[in-house]
Amino acid sequence: MQFYASPEQIMRDRAEYARKNIARGRNAVVLTCADGVLFVTENVSTALHKVSEIYDRIGFAAVGRYNEFENLRRAGVRMADLNGFSYDRRDVTGRMLANAYAQTLGAIFTDQTKPFEVEICVAEVGTTPADDELYKITYDGTVHDFPSGVLAMGGNADAIVENIGADHQPDEPLATALRLAVRGLGSVGGEGGAPRTLPPNQLEVAVLDRARTGRTFRRITGAALTAMLEQAPEAAQGGYSSGKGGDAADSAANGDNSNT
């Protein structure tokens, strides 16, 4: 005979399992700014992306188990392409994709033994910062929208939002928003609560550029990223570094790559 467990206990166990494994991954921050929607996340890999393009004005970011959120991303791209081709490109919206992801993750959480160990963000850039749409979909299919323009994912999401939320301005320049996001990421995970230094080669940065027409997604890498970070007045106080990362990059690369 199988052991009996109440539905409430099963749901609690699945939720605890998903939360525990998501917390093992590295955090991500999404911010609105004057130039568009900014994505910043810790990622030591140059081949496996946690931030990607979904459609013309829609971006995707995720934390957790890579193979699971990559399958979700690919499904979202196919759905957006199909709807844009069948109807009109303007009919593909961030809200539509967020609802589709919520239904998928909710069904997996309820019906399958193991839930997906992911948190994902679907963001759509508008003509003004007030028109930007940020949606966070959790492992159980719950959808949250963030009219404040500040979104964080991962095990320390609440602490990051608390650290940077009061200083965020929707109309701030891209470089200012980038420095703020990196400060938030560096404020958690250090020994004894001390801020960490995050060099550019450990960051994955992209933006949905408000000024572009058509496909707005572009990545910020290399010298451009380093130059934006070096403009920060608090460089000497930690939060990021323009160095190569050294031991920090090596130790992160030797960790568990199944959850990013």
C-alpha atoms as a PDB file:
ATOM      1  CA  MET A   1       0.000   0.000   0.000  1.00  0.00           C
ATOM      2  CA  GLN A   2       1.108   3.529  -0.703  1.00  0.00           C
ATOM      3  CA  PHE A   3       1.541   5.859   2.228  1.00  0.00           C
ATOM      4  CA  TYR A   4      -1.146   8.499   2.471  1.00  0.00           C
ATOM      5  CA  ALA A   5      -0.264  12.189   2.453  1.00  0.00           C
ATOM      6  CA  SER A   6      -2.796  14.982   2.466  1.00  0.00           C
ATOM      7  CA  PRO A   7      -2.946  17.302  -0.558  1.00  0.00           C
ATOM      8  CA  GLU A   8      -1.906  20.195   1.694  1.00  0.00           C
ATOM      9  CA  GLN A   9       1.235  18.345   2.768  1.00  0.00           C
ATOM     10  CA  ILE A  10       2.104  17.411  -0.812  1.00  0.00           C
ATOM     11  CA  MET A  11       1.786  21.025  -1.961  1.00  0.00           C
ATOM     12  CA  ARG A  12       3.866  22.262   0.976  1.00  0.00           C
ATOM     13  CA  ASP A  13       6.603  19.735   0.246  1.00  0.00           C
ATOM     14  CA  ARG A  14       6.697  20.657  -3.445  1.00  0.00           C
ATOM     15  CA  ALA A  15       6.824  24.370  -2.642  1.00  0.00           C
ATOM     16  CA  GLU A  16       9.614  23.880  -0.104  1.00  0.00           C
ATOM     17  CA  TYR A  17      11.584  21.755  -2.567  1.00  0.00           C
ATOM     18  CA  ALA A  18      11.295  24.359  -5.321  1.00  0.00           C
ATOM     19  CA  ARG A  19      12.146  27.319  -3.078  1.00  0.00           C
ATOM     20  CA  LYS A  20      15.184  25.575  -1.613  1.00  0.00           C
ATOM     21  CA  ASN A  21      16.685  24.795  -4.998  1.00  0.00           C
ATOM     22  CA  ILE A  22      15.887  28.189  -6.513  1.00  0.00           C
ATOM     23  CA  ALA A  23      17.683  29.833  -3.587  1.00  0.00           C
ATOM     24  CA  ARG A  24      20.871  27.956  -4.554  1.00  0.00           C
ATOM     25  CA  GLY A  25      21.082  29.890  -7.813  1.00  0.00           C
ATOM     26  CA  ARG A  26      22.399  33.404  -8.380  1.00  0.00           C
ATOM     27  CA  ASN A  27      20.064  36.377  -8.195  1.00  0.00           C
ATOM     28  CA  ALA A  28      18.775  38.594 -11.009  1.00  0.00           C
ATOM     29  CA  VAL A  29      17.474  42.181 -11.075  1.00  0.00           C
ATOM     30  CA  VAL A  30      15.198  43.866 -13.616  1.00  0.00           C
ATOM     31  CA  LEU A  31      14.750  47.659 -13.560  1.00  0.00           C
ATOM     32  CA  THR A  32      12.950  50.262 -15.633  1.00  0.00           C
ATOM     33  CA  CYS A  33      14.929  53.343 -16.607  1.00  0.00           C
ATOM     34  CA  ALA A  34      14.793  56.227 -19.064  1.00  0.00           C
ATOM     35  CA  ASP A  35      16.479  54.185 -21.805  1.00  0.00           C
ATOM     36  CA  GLY A  36      14.343  51.051 -21.443  1.00  0.00           C
ATOM     37  CA  VAL A  37      14.173  47.915 -19.292  1.00  0.00           C
ATOM     38  CA  LEU A  38      17.470  46.729 -17.835  1.00  0.00           C
ATOM     39  CA  PHE A  39      18.322  43.103 -16.984  1.00  0.00           C
ATOM     40  CA  VAL A  40      21.292  42.377 -14.698  1.00  0.00           C
ATOM     41  CA  THR A  41      22.223  38.986 -13.295  1.00  0.00           C
ATOM     42  CA  GLU A  42      25.224  37.129 -11.987  1.00  0.00           C
ATOM     43  CA  ASN A  43      26.454  34.630 -14.550  1.00  0.00           C
ATOM     44  CA  VAL A  44      30.006  33.335 -14.869  1.00  0.00           C
ATOM     45  CA  SER A  45      29.188  31.443 -18.063  1.00  0.00           C
ATOM     46  CA  THR A  46      29.572  33.122 -21.449  1.00  0.00           C
ATOM     47  CA  ALA A  47      27.637  30.404 -23.273  1.00  0.00           C
ATOM     48  CA  LEU A  48      24.588  29.758 -21.082  1.00  0.00           C
ATOM     49  CA  HIS A  49      22.405  32.844 -20.936  1.00  0.00           C
ATOM     50  CA  LYS A  50      19.915  33.678 -18.195  1.00  0.00           C
ATOM     51  CA  VAL A  51      18.640  36.755 -20.053  1.00  0.00           C
ATOM     52  CA  SER A  52      17.295  36.496 -23.595  1.00  0.00           C
ATOM     53  CA  GLU A  53      14.985  38.006 -26.178  1.00  0.00           C
ATOM     54  CA  ILE A  54      11.462  36.672 -26.633  1.00  0.00           C
ATOM     55  CA  TYR A  55      10.024  39.051 -29.219  1.00  0.00           C
ATOM     56  CA  ASP A  56      10.355  42.577 -30.591  1.00  0.00           C
ATOM     57  CA  ARG A  57       9.832  44.491 -27.330  1.00  0.00           C
ATOM     58  CA  ILE A  58       9.744  41.593 -24.878  1.00  0.00           C
ATOM     59  CA  GLY A  59      12.604  40.143 -22.850  1.00  0.00           C
ATOM     60  CA  PHE A  60      13.010  37.086 -20.639  1.00  0.00           C
ATOM     61  CA  ALA A  61      15.101  36.455 -17.529  1.00  0.00           C
ATOM     62  CA  ALA A  62      15.204  33.488 -15.184  1.00  0.00           C
ATOM     63  CA  VAL A  63      16.914  31.942 -12.179  1.00  0.00           C
ATOM     64  CA  GLY A  64      16.980  28.314 -11.132  1.00  0.00           C
ATOM     65  CA  ARG A  65      17.597  25.143 -13.109  1.00  0.00           C
ATOM     66  CA  TYR A  66      18.945  26.019 -16.542  1.00  0.00           C
ATOM     67  CA  ASN A  67      17.478  23.176 -18.615  1.00  0.00           C
ATOM     68  CA  GLU A  68      13.991  23.881 -17.266  1.00  0.00           C
ATOM     69  CA  PHE A  69      13.858  27.620 -17.856  1.00  0.00           C
ATOM     70  CA  GLU A  70      15.539  27.185 -21.255  1.00  0.00           C
ATOM     71  CA  ASN A  71      12.672  24.907 -22.308  1.00  0.00           C
ATOM     72  CA  LEU A  72      10.219  27.576 -21.138  1.00  0.00           C
ATOM     73  CA  ARG A  73      12.073  30.268 -23.045  1.00  0.00           C
ATOM     74  CA  ARG A  74      12.041  28.294 -26.289  1.00  0.00           C
ATOM     75  CA  ALA A  75       8.323  27.585 -25.885  1.00  0.00           C
ATOM     76  CA  GLY A  76       7.687  31.294 -25.367  1.00  0.00           C
ATOM     77  CA  VAL A  77       9.610  32.204 -28.523  1.00  0.00           C
ATOM     78  CA  ARG A  78       7.612  29.710 -30.573  1.00  0.00           C
ATOM     79  CA  MET A  79       4.315  30.958 -29.146  1.00  0.00           C
ATOM     80  CA  ALA A  80       5.204  34.602 -29.805  1.00  0.00           C
ATOM     81  CA  ASP A  81       6.323  33.881 -33.369  1.00  0.00           C
ATOM     82  CA  LEU A  82       3.196  31.879 -34.109  1.00  0.00           C
ATOM     83  CA  ASN A  83       0.841  34.550 -32.787  1.00  0.00           C
ATOM     84  CA  GLY A  84       2.727  37.363 -34.475  1.00  0.00           C
ATOM     85  CA  PHE A  85       2.678  35.547 -37.815  1.00  0.00           C
ATOM     86  CA  SER A  86      -0.952  34.411 -37.575  1.00  0.00           C
ATOM     87  CA  TYR A  87      -2.409  37.741 -36.408  1.00  0.00           C
ATOM     88  CA  ASP A  88      -0.342  40.871 -35.902  1.00  0.00           C
ATOM     89  CA  ARG A  89       2.990  41.561 -34.223  1.00  0.00           C
ATOM     90  CA  ARG A  90       1.273  44.068 -31.941  1.00  0.00           C
ATOM     91  CA  ASP A  91      -0.912  41.259 -30.581  1.00  0.00           C
ATOM     92  CA  VAL A  92       2.121  39.663 -28.917  1.00  0.00           C
ATOM     93  CA  THR A  93       2.320  41.213 -25.443  1.00  0.00           C
ATOM     94  CA  GLY A  94       4.193  40.564 -22.242  1.00  0.00           C
ATOM     95  CA  ARG A  95       0.951  39.992 -20.377  1.00  0.00           C
ATOM     96  CA  MET A  96      -0.097  37.276 -22.823  1.00  0.00           C
ATOM     97  CA  LEU A  97       3.213  35.456 -22.423  1.00  0.00           C
ATOM     98  CA  ALA A  98       3.164  35.848 -18.629  1.00  0.00           C
ATOM     99  CA  ASN A  99      -0.283  34.264 -18.480  1.00  0.00           C
ATOM    100  CA  ALA A 100       0.835  31.401 -20.723  1.00  0.00           C
ATOM    101  CA  TYR A 101       3.881  30.731 -18.533  1.00  0.00           C
ATOM    102  CA  ALA A 102       1.694  30.883 -15.418  1.00  0.00           C
ATOM    103  CA  GLN A 103      -0.666  28.244 -16.805  1.00  0.00           C
ATOM    104  CA  THR A 104       2.232  25.980 -17.762  1.00  0.00           C
ATOM    105  CA  LEU A 105       4.056  26.251 -14.436  1.00  0.00           C
ATOM    106  CA  GLY A 106       0.811  25.911 -12.478  1.00  0.00           C
ATOM    107  CA  ALA A 107      -0.090  22.707 -14.306  1.00  0.00           C
ATOM    108  CA  ILE A 108       3.400  21.265 -13.757  1.00  0.00           C
ATOM    109  CA  PHE A 109       3.339  22.165 -10.056  1.00  0.00           C
ATOM    110  CA  THR A 110      -0.070  20.525  -9.557  1.00  0.00           C
ATOM    111  CA  ASP A 111       0.157  17.455 -11.776  1.00  0.00           C
ATOM    112  CA  GLN A 112       3.794  16.359 -11.748  1.00  0.00           C
ATOM    113  CA  THR A 113       5.756  14.879  -8.884  1.00  0.00           C
ATOM    114  CA  LYS A 114       8.625  17.357  -9.192  1.00  0.00           C
ATOM    115  CA  PRO A 115       7.876  21.042  -9.840  1.00  0.00           C
ATOM    116  CA  PHE A 116      10.078  23.225 -12.025  1.00  0.00           C
ATOM    117  CA  GLU A 117      12.820  24.855  -9.959  1.00  0.00           C
ATOM    118  CA  VAL A 118      12.570  28.226 -11.677  1.00  0.00           C
ATOM    119  CA  GLU A 119      11.475  31.820 -11.314  1.00  0.00           C
ATOM    120  CA  ILE A 120      11.082  33.754 -14.537  1.00  0.00           C
ATOM    121  CA  CYS A 121      10.511  37.352 -15.556  1.00  0.00           C
ATOM    122  CA  VAL A 122       8.723  38.575 -18.669  1.00  0.00           C
ATOM    123  CA  ALA A 123       9.271  42.276 -19.352  1.00  0.00           C
ATOM    124  CA  GLU A 124       7.864  44.490 -22.104  1.00  0.00           C
ATOM    125  CA  VAL A 125       9.273  47.926 -22.843  1.00  0.00           C
ATOM    126  CA  GLY A 126       6.816  50.744 -23.542  1.00  0.00           C
ATOM    127  CA  THR A 127       7.075  54.186 -25.066  1.00  0.00           C
ATOM    128  CA  THR A 128       7.643  55.682 -21.596  1.00  0.00           C
ATOM    129  CA  PRO A 129       8.849  54.195 -18.283  1.00  0.00           C
ATOM    130  CA  ALA A 130       5.273  54.328 -17.004  1.00  0.00           C
ATOM    131  CA  ASP A 131       4.221  52.027 -19.854  1.00  0.00           C
ATOM    132  CA  ASP A 132       6.800  49.314 -19.076  1.00  0.00           C
ATOM    133  CA  GLU A 133       5.405  45.993 -17.874  1.00  0.00           C
ATOM    134  CA  LEU A 134       7.318  43.651 -15.552  1.00  0.00           C
ATOM    135  CA  TYR A 135       5.905  40.262 -14.593  1.00  0.00           C
ATOM    136  CA  LYS A 136       7.409  37.654 -12.281  1.00  0.00           C
ATOM    137  CA  ILE A 137       6.134  34.066 -12.531  1.00  0.00           C
ATOM    138  CA  THR A 138       7.057  31.693  -9.723  1.00  0.00           C
ATOM    139  CA  TYR A 139       7.421  27.910  -9.684  1.00  0.00           C
ATOM    140  CA  ASP A 140       3.725  27.364  -8.810  1.00  0.00           C
ATOM    141  CA  GLY A 141       2.363  29.554 -11.602  1.00  0.00           C
ATOM    142  CA  THR A 142       1.698  32.647  -9.502  1.00  0.00           C
ATOM    143  CA  VAL A 143       2.017  35.908 -11.455  1.00  0.00           C
ATOM    144  CA  HIS A 144       3.152  39.175  -9.861  1.00  0.00           C
ATOM    145  CA  ASP A 145       3.320  42.499 -11.676  1.00  0.00           C
ATOM    146  CA  PHE A 146       5.678  45.294 -10.561  1.00  0.00           C
ATOM    147  CA  PRO A 147       4.406  48.770 -11.385  1.00  0.00           C
ATOM    148  CA  SER A 148       7.238  50.171  -9.251  1.00  0.00           C
ATOM    149  CA  GLY A 149       9.702  49.079 -11.941  1.00  0.00           C
ATOM    150  CA  VAL A 150      11.930  47.086  -9.557  1.00  0.00           C
ATOM    151  CA  LEU A 151      11.979  43.295  -9.730  1.00  0.00           C
ATOM    152  CA  ALA A 152      14.383  40.786  -8.213  1.00  0.00           C
ATOM    153  CA  MET A 153      14.512  36.994  -8.426  1.00  0.00           C
ATOM    154  CA  GLY A 154      16.313  34.326  -6.444  1.00  0.00           C
ATOM    155  CA  GLY A 155      16.698  33.416  -2.811  1.00  0.00           C
ATOM    156  CA  ASN A 156      17.610  36.968  -1.696  1.00  0.00           C
ATOM    157  CA  ALA A 157      15.054  38.823  -3.821  1.00  0.00           C
ATOM    158  CA  ASP A 158      13.381  40.605  -0.901  1.00  0.00           C
ATOM    159  CA  ALA A 159      16.688  41.835   0.514  1.00  0.00           C
ATOM    160  CA  ILE A 160      17.791  43.160  -2.883  1.00  0.00           C
ATOM    161  CA  VAL A 161      14.547  45.056  -3.441  1.00  0.00           C
ATOM    162  CA  GLU A 162      14.782  46.515   0.058  1.00  0.00           C
ATOM    163  CA  ASN A 163      18.340  47.660  -0.659  1.00  0.00           C
ATOM    164  CA  ILE A 164      17.687  49.421  -3.968  1.00  0.00           C
ATOM    165  CA  GLY A 165      13.947  50.098  -4.067  1.00  0.00           C
ATOM    166  CA  ALA A 166      14.064  53.483  -2.337  1.00  0.00           C
ATOM    167  CA  ASP A 167      16.854  54.767  -4.620  1.00  0.00           C
ATOM    168  CA  HIS A 168      15.295  53.675  -7.892  1.00  0.00           C
ATOM    169  CA  GLN A 169      13.894  56.343 -10.206  1.00  0.00           C
ATOM    170  CA  PRO A 170      12.015  55.234 -13.352  1.00  0.00           C
ATOM    171  CA  ASP A 171      13.504  58.102 -15.380  1.00  0.00           C
ATOM    172  CA  GLU A 172      17.134  57.575 -14.336  1.00  0.00           C
ATOM    173  CA  PRO A 173      19.821  57.009 -17.027  1.00  0.00           C
ATOM    174  CA  LEU A 174      20.853  53.514 -18.041  1.00  0.00           C
ATOM    175  CA  ALA A 175      24.285  53.742 -16.397  1.00  0.00           C
ATOM    176  CA  THR A 176      22.744  54.831 -13.088  1.00  0.00           C
ATOM    177  CA  ALA A 177      20.241  51.964 -13.179  1.00  0.00           C
ATOM    178  CA  LEU A 178      23.061  49.508 -13.940  1.00  0.00           C
ATOM    179  CA  ARG A 179      25.122  50.666 -10.979  1.00  0.00           C
ATOM    180  CA  LEU A 180      22.068  50.448  -8.739  1.00  0.00           C
ATOM    181  CA  ALA A 181      21.312  46.890  -9.875  1.00  0.00           C
ATOM    182  CA  VAL A 182      24.905  45.782  -9.342  1.00  0.00           C
ATOM    183  CA  ARG A 183      24.854  47.358  -5.893  1.00  0.00           C
ATOM    184  CA  GLY A 184      21.757  45.329  -5.068  1.00  0.00           C
ATOM    185  CA  LEU A 185      23.301  42.079  -6.292  1.00  0.00           C
ATOM    186  CA  GLY A 186      26.481  42.772  -4.343  1.00  0.00           C
ATOM    187  CA  SER A 187      24.599  43.566  -1.141  1.00  0.00           C
ATOM    188  CA  VAL A 188      23.710  39.906  -0.526  1.00  0.00           C
ATOM    189  CA  GLY A 189      25.701  36.700  -0.344  1.00  0.00           C
ATOM    190  CA  GLY A 190      28.808  38.120   1.306  1.00  0.00           C
ATOM    191  CA  GLU A 191      30.429  36.681   4.411  1.00  0.00           C
ATOM    192  CA  GLY A 192      28.928  38.194   7.524  1.00  0.00           C
ATOM    193  CA  GLY A 193      26.612  40.373   5.471  1.00  0.00           C
ATOM    194  CA  ALA A 194      29.481  42.345   3.938  1.00  0.00           C
ATOM    195  CA  PRO A 195      29.004  43.686   0.365  1.00  0.00           C
ATOM    196  CA  ARG A 196      30.583  41.641  -2.405  1.00  0.00           C
ATOM    197  CA  THR A 197      32.557  42.863  -5.397  1.00  0.00           C
ATOM    198  CA  LEU A 198      31.137  41.793  -8.766  1.00  0.00           C
ATOM    199  CA  PRO A 199      33.520  42.214 -11.708  1.00  0.00           C
ATOM    200  CA  PRO A 200      32.076  42.729 -15.205  1.00  0.00           C
ATOM    201  CA  ASN A 201      33.080  39.237 -16.329  1.00  0.00           C
ATOM    202  CA  GLN A 202      30.670  37.783 -13.744  1.00  0.00           C
ATOM    203  CA  LEU A 203      27.697  39.843 -14.928  1.00  0.00           C
ATOM    204  CA  GLU A 204      25.211  39.296 -17.714  1.00  0.00           C
ATOM    205  CA  VAL A 205      23.614  42.591 -18.743  1.00  0.00           C
ATOM    206  CA  ALA A 206      21.027  43.357 -21.410  1.00  0.00           C
ATOM    207  CA  VAL A 207      18.486  46.068 -22.135  1.00  0.00           C
ATOM    208  CA  LEU A 208      15.260  46.489 -24.048  1.00  0.00           C
ATOM    209  CA  ASP A 209      16.182  49.767 -25.750  1.00  0.00           C
ATOM    210  CA  ARG A 210      13.253  52.175 -25.740  1.00  0.00           C
ATOM    211  CA  ALA A 211      14.669  54.243 -28.605  1.00  0.00           C
ATOM    212  CA  ARG A 212      14.874  51.337 -31.043  1.00  0.00           C
ATOM    213  CA  THR A 213      12.149  50.292 -33.430  1.00  0.00           C
ATOM    214  CA  GLY A 214      11.495  46.635 -34.185  1.00  0.00           C
ATOM    215  CA  ARG A 215      13.747  44.391 -32.153  1.00  0.00           C
ATOM    216  CA  THR A 216      14.802  46.312 -29.060  1.00  0.00           C
ATOM    217  CA  PHE A 217      16.893  43.703 -27.220  1.00  0.00           C
ATOM    218  CA  ARG A 218      20.647  44.232 -27.020  1.00  0.00           C
ATOM    219  CA  ARG A 219      23.382  42.967 -24.747  1.00  0.00           C
ATOM    220  CA  ILE A 220      25.940  45.142 -22.970  1.00  0.00           C
ATOM    221  CA  THR A 221      29.311  43.426 -22.766  1.00  0.00           C
ATOM    222  CA  GLY A 222      33.037  43.987 -22.784  1.00  0.00           C
ATOM    223  CA  ALA A 223      34.482  47.482 -22.772  1.00  0.00           C
ATOM    224  CA  ALA A 224      31.048  49.134 -22.878  1.00  0.00           C
ATOM    225  CA  LEU A 225      29.978  47.370 -19.683  1.00  0.00           C
ATOM    226  CA  THR A 226      33.256  48.096 -17.921  1.00  0.00           C
ATOM    227  CA  ALA A 227      33.075  51.780 -18.844  1.00  0.00           C
ATOM    228  CA  MET A 228      29.539  52.090 -17.480  1.00  0.00           C
ATOM    229  CA  LEU A 229      30.538  50.469 -14.199  1.00  0.00           C
ATOM    230  CA  GLU A 230      33.645  52.609 -13.789  1.00  0.00           C
ATOM    231  CA  GLN A 231      31.501  55.730 -13.794  1.00  0.00           C
ATOM    232  CA  ALA A 232      30.061  54.782 -10.399  1.00  0.00           C
ATOM    233  CA  PRO A 233      31.012  57.168  -7.566  1.00  0.00           C
ATOM    234  CA  GLU A 234      30.859  54.360  -5.014  1.00  0.00           C
ATOM    235  CA  ALA A 235      33.466  52.222  -6.808  1.00  0.00           C
ATOM    236  CA  ALA A 236      35.793  52.283  -3.839  1.00  0.00           C
ATOM    237  CA  GLN A 237      33.038  51.108  -1.491  1.00  0.00           C
ATOM    238  CA  GLY A 238      32.385  47.760  -3.170  1.00  0.00           C
ATOM    239  CA  GLY A 239      29.414  46.465  -5.113  1.00  0.00           C
ATOM    240  CA  TYR A 240      31.381  45.881  -8.292  1.00  0.00           C
ATOM    241  CA  SER A 241      34.900  45.869  -9.637  1.00  0.00           C
ATOM    242  CA  SER A 242      36.417  46.297 -13.067  1.00  0.00           C
ATOM    243  CA  GLY A 243      38.968  43.546 -12.408  1.00  0.00           C
ATOM    244  CA  LYS A 244      39.001  40.011 -13.769  1.00  0.00           C
ATOM    245  CA  GLY A 245      37.457  38.411 -10.731  1.00  0.00           C
ATOM    246  CA  GLY A 246      40.345  36.028  -9.997  1.00  0.00           C
ATOM    247  CA  ASP A 247      39.536  33.635  -7.193  1.00  0.00           C
ATOM    248  CA  ALA A 248      35.908  34.741  -7.052  1.00  0.00           C
ATOM    249  CA  ALA A 249      35.317  33.744 -10.660  1.00  0.00           C
ATOM    250  CA  ASP A 250      37.177  30.471 -10.213  1.00  0.00           C
ATOM    251  CA  SER A 251      35.237  29.506  -7.100  1.00  0.00           C
ATOM    252  CA  ALA A 252      31.905  30.389  -8.742  1.00  0.00           C
ATOM    253  CA  ALA A 253      32.800  28.396 -11.833  1.00  0.00           C
ATOM    254  CA  ASN A 254      33.573  25.362  -9.709  1.00  0.00           C
ATOM    255  CA  GLY A 255      30.147  25.440  -8.059  1.00  0.00           C
ATOM    256  CA  ASP A 256      26.931  23.675  -8.981  1.00  0.00           C
ATOM    257  CA  ASN A 257      26.089  24.697 -12.546  1.00  0.00           C
ATOM    258  CA  SER A 258      22.681  22.994 -12.582  1.00  0.00           C
ATOM    259  CA  ASN A 259      21.121  26.012 -10.835  1.00  0.00           C
ATOM    260  CA  THR A 260      22.190  29.397 -12.169  1.00  0.00           C
END
